[in-house]
Amino acid sequence: MIFLRILIFVALILVGLLILKYTVKIVDTVGHSGWADRYLGMGVGGGSYNMWKLIGIIVIIIGIVILVKGLGFLGY
């Protein structure tokens, strides 16, 4: 069971880091989010980049929490 948690941790850390590294390419591929640009933006299109950075950080935090068994309701 610990092996599964470590595997999920590593996968989520990698996904989170890739999201953080390739934010510009993700926004270019997916497009800008009107909601994010309105509420998270600090300029033209800045909110979409901020949204993807926040998503990457949240993914990393979820990976850490799963590693330390903080999300017991998920069964891990």
Protein backbone atom coordinates (compact mmCIF):
# COMPACT_ATOMS: atom_id res chain seq x y z
CA MET A 1 0.00 0.00 0.00
CA ILE A 2 2.87 2.37 0.71
CA PHE A 3 4.25 1.65 -2.76
CA LEU A 4 0.98 2.80 -4.31
CA ARG A 5 1.01 6.03 -2.30
CA ILE A 6 4.61 6.73 -3.32
CA LEU A 7 3.77 6.01 -6.95
CA ILE A 8 0.78 8.38 -6.85
CA PHE A 9 2.92 10.99 -5.08
CA VAL A 10 5.63 10.86 -7.74
CA ALA A 11 3.07 10.97 -10.55
CA LEU A 12 1.26 13.99 -9.09
CA ILE A 13 4.51 15.83 -8.40
CA LEU A 14 5.60 15.27 -12.00
CA VAL A 15 2.23 16.39 -13.37
CA GLY A 16 2.24 19.47 -11.15
CA LEU A 17 5.77 20.42 -12.16
CA LEU A 18 4.97 19.92 -15.84
CA ILE A 19 1.93 22.17 -15.49
CA LEU A 20 4.08 24.82 -13.84
CA LYS A 21 6.80 24.54 -16.47
CA TYR A 22 4.57 24.48 -19.55
CA THR A 23 1.89 26.96 -18.47
CA VAL A 24 2.33 29.10 -21.59
CA LYS A 25 2.02 26.12 -23.93
CA ILE A 26 -1.06 24.89 -22.05
CA VAL A 27 -2.75 28.28 -22.36
CA ASP A 28 -1.81 28.45 -26.05
CA THR A 29 -3.33 24.99 -26.59
CA VAL A 30 -6.43 25.25 -24.40
CA GLY A 31 -7.06 28.97 -24.77
CA HIS A 32 -7.73 31.76 -22.33
CA SER A 33 -10.32 31.48 -19.59
CA GLY A 34 -12.61 34.47 -19.33
CA TRP A 35 -13.36 33.78 -15.69
CA ALA A 36 -9.69 33.49 -14.76
CA ASP A 37 -8.78 36.59 -16.73
CA ARG A 38 -11.48 38.54 -14.94
CA TYR A 39 -10.80 37.41 -11.37
CA LEU A 40 -7.16 36.32 -11.33
CA GLY A 41 -5.72 38.54 -14.02
CA MET A 42 -3.30 41.38 -13.73
CA GLY A 43 -3.34 42.37 -17.37
CA VAL A 44 -4.41 40.96 -20.69
CA GLY A 45 -4.63 37.18 -20.36
CA GLY A 46 -2.63 37.04 -17.15
CA GLY A 47 -5.39 35.32 -15.23
CA SER A 48 -5.27 32.21 -17.39
CA TYR A 49 -1.59 31.77 -16.65
CA ASN A 50 -2.21 32.32 -12.95
CA MET A 51 -5.04 29.77 -12.98
CA TRP A 52 -2.80 27.08 -14.48
CA LYS A 53 -0.03 27.86 -12.00
CA LEU A 54 -2.53 27.51 -9.14
CA ILE A 55 -3.76 24.20 -10.57
CA GLY A 56 -0.17 22.93 -10.73
CA ILE A 57 0.49 23.94 -7.12
CA ILE A 58 -2.76 22.33 -5.96
CA VAL A 59 -1.84 19.08 -7.75
CA ILE A 60 1.54 19.07 -5.98
CA ILE A 61 -0.11 19.71 -2.60
CA ILE A 62 -2.60 16.88 -3.19
CA GLY A 63 0.34 14.57 -3.98
CA ILE A 64 2.06 15.50 -0.73
CA VAL A 65 -1.14 15.03 1.26
CA ILE A 66 -1.70 11.58 -0.27
CA LEU A 67 1.88 10.62 0.60
CA VAL A 68 1.38 11.49 4.26
CA LYS A 69 -2.04 9.78 4.25
CA GLY A 70 -3.97 12.97 4.87
CA LEU A 71 -6.85 12.08 2.58
CA GLY A 72 -8.19 9.06 4.40
CA PHE A 73 -11.60 9.36 2.76
CA LEU A 74 -10.07 8.44 -0.60
CA GLY A 75 -9.04 5.05 0.72
CA TYR A 76 -5.31 5.52 0.28
